[in-house]
Amino acid sequence: MEPANYEFSYKVSDYESGIDFGHAENRQDDKAEGTYFVVLPDGTKQVVEYEADEDGFKPRISVIPADTASSRAGDGSYLHNSIIL
């Protein structure tokens, strides 16, 4: 059976309700890489960048304080294999 190869991304932003989150992933053979984020009610942005392969799920978690996150939220652009947050 061949492994799945794919790439996807999405972003949901509704500034009236305060909803702002997204996810992007790229998989080639047995390795997936991706990023997902959520902006919390206080404006803090939590970001998880990850790799998943035969050795398991390996996340790198970061937190961007509200004053920094708000100036960059809503960009929505991306590069191959990574979202510009």
Protein backbone atom coordinates (compact mmCIF):
# COMPACT_ATOMS: atom_id res chain seq x y z
CA MET A 1 0.00 0.00 0.00
CA GLU A 2 1.40 3.41 -0.98
CA PRO A 3 1.56 6.13 1.67
CA ALA A 4 -0.68 9.15 1.22
CA ASN A 5 0.95 12.25 -0.28
CA TYR A 6 -0.96 15.50 0.18
CA GLU A 7 -0.88 19.15 1.14
CA PHE A 8 -3.67 21.24 2.70
CA SER A 9 -4.24 24.43 4.62
CA TYR A 10 -7.13 26.42 6.05
CA LYS A 11 -7.65 29.52 8.15
CA VAL A 12 -10.77 30.73 9.95
CA SER A 13 -10.94 34.38 11.02
CA ASP A 14 -13.96 36.23 12.37
CA TYR A 15 -12.78 39.29 14.21
CA GLU A 16 -16.29 40.20 15.44
CA SER A 17 -16.50 36.95 17.41
CA GLY A 18 -12.76 36.74 18.09
CA ILE A 19 -12.26 33.45 16.23
CA ASP A 20 -8.84 33.09 14.58
CA PHE A 21 -7.21 29.70 13.95
CA GLY A 22 -5.65 27.69 11.16
CA HIS A 23 -3.74 24.59 10.12
CA ALA A 24 -1.44 23.59 7.25
CA GLU A 25 0.12 20.19 6.60
CA ASN A 26 2.27 18.59 3.93
CA ARG A 27 2.85 14.84 3.76
CA GLN A 28 5.32 13.04 1.53
CA ASP A 29 5.70 9.29 1.92
CA ASP A 30 5.93 8.49 5.64
CA LYS A 31 6.65 12.03 6.90
CA ALA A 32 4.15 14.79 7.63
CA GLU A 33 5.08 18.36 8.59
CA GLY A 34 2.71 21.09 9.60
CA THR A 35 1.74 24.09 11.64
CA TYR A 36 -1.44 24.98 13.46
CA PHE A 37 -2.34 27.99 15.55
CA VAL A 38 -5.08 29.55 17.61
CA VAL A 39 -5.47 33.09 18.90
CA LEU A 40 -6.84 32.97 22.44
CA PRO A 41 -9.44 35.42 23.82
CA ASP A 42 -6.70 37.55 25.42
CA GLY A 43 -4.94 37.89 22.02
CA THR A 44 -2.14 35.44 22.79
CA LYS A 45 -1.30 33.22 19.81
CA GLN A 46 -0.37 29.58 20.43
CA VAL A 47 1.54 27.93 17.59
CA VAL A 48 2.42 24.26 17.13
CA GLU A 49 4.90 23.28 14.41
CA TYR A 50 5.31 19.54 14.05
CA GLU A 51 6.78 16.57 12.26
CA ALA A 52 5.20 13.14 12.32
CA ASP A 53 6.95 10.05 11.00
CA GLU A 54 7.74 6.46 11.93
CA ASP A 55 9.36 7.78 15.15
CA GLY A 56 6.14 9.50 16.29
CA PHE A 57 4.66 12.99 16.61
CA LYS A 58 7.25 15.69 17.43
CA PRO A 59 5.68 19.07 18.24
CA ARG A 60 7.44 22.40 18.82
CA ILE A 61 5.12 24.69 20.75
CA SER A 62 5.46 28.45 21.00
CA VAL A 63 3.41 31.26 22.48
CA ILE A 64 3.35 34.77 21.03
CA PRO A 65 2.24 37.42 23.55
CA ALA A 66 -0.92 39.38 22.74
CA ASP A 67 0.83 42.63 21.78
CA THR A 68 2.98 40.81 19.19
CA ALA A 69 0.32 38.34 18.00
CA SER A 70 -2.30 40.98 17.25
CA SER A 71 0.00 42.84 14.89
CA ARG A 72 0.54 39.69 12.84
CA ALA A 73 -2.83 37.93 13.08
CA GLY A 74 -4.89 37.64 9.94
CA ASP A 75 -2.06 37.57 7.42
CA GLY A 76 -3.16 34.21 6.07
CA SER A 77 -0.33 33.89 3.57
CA TYR A 78 1.85 30.82 3.37
CA LEU A 79 4.98 29.37 1.87
CA HIS A 80 5.48 25.80 0.77
CA ASN A 81 5.61 23.63 3.94
CA SER A 82 4.99 26.51 6.36
CA ILE A 83 2.51 29.21 7.24
CA ILE A 84 3.73 32.73 7.82
CA LEU A 85 2.23 33.51 11.20
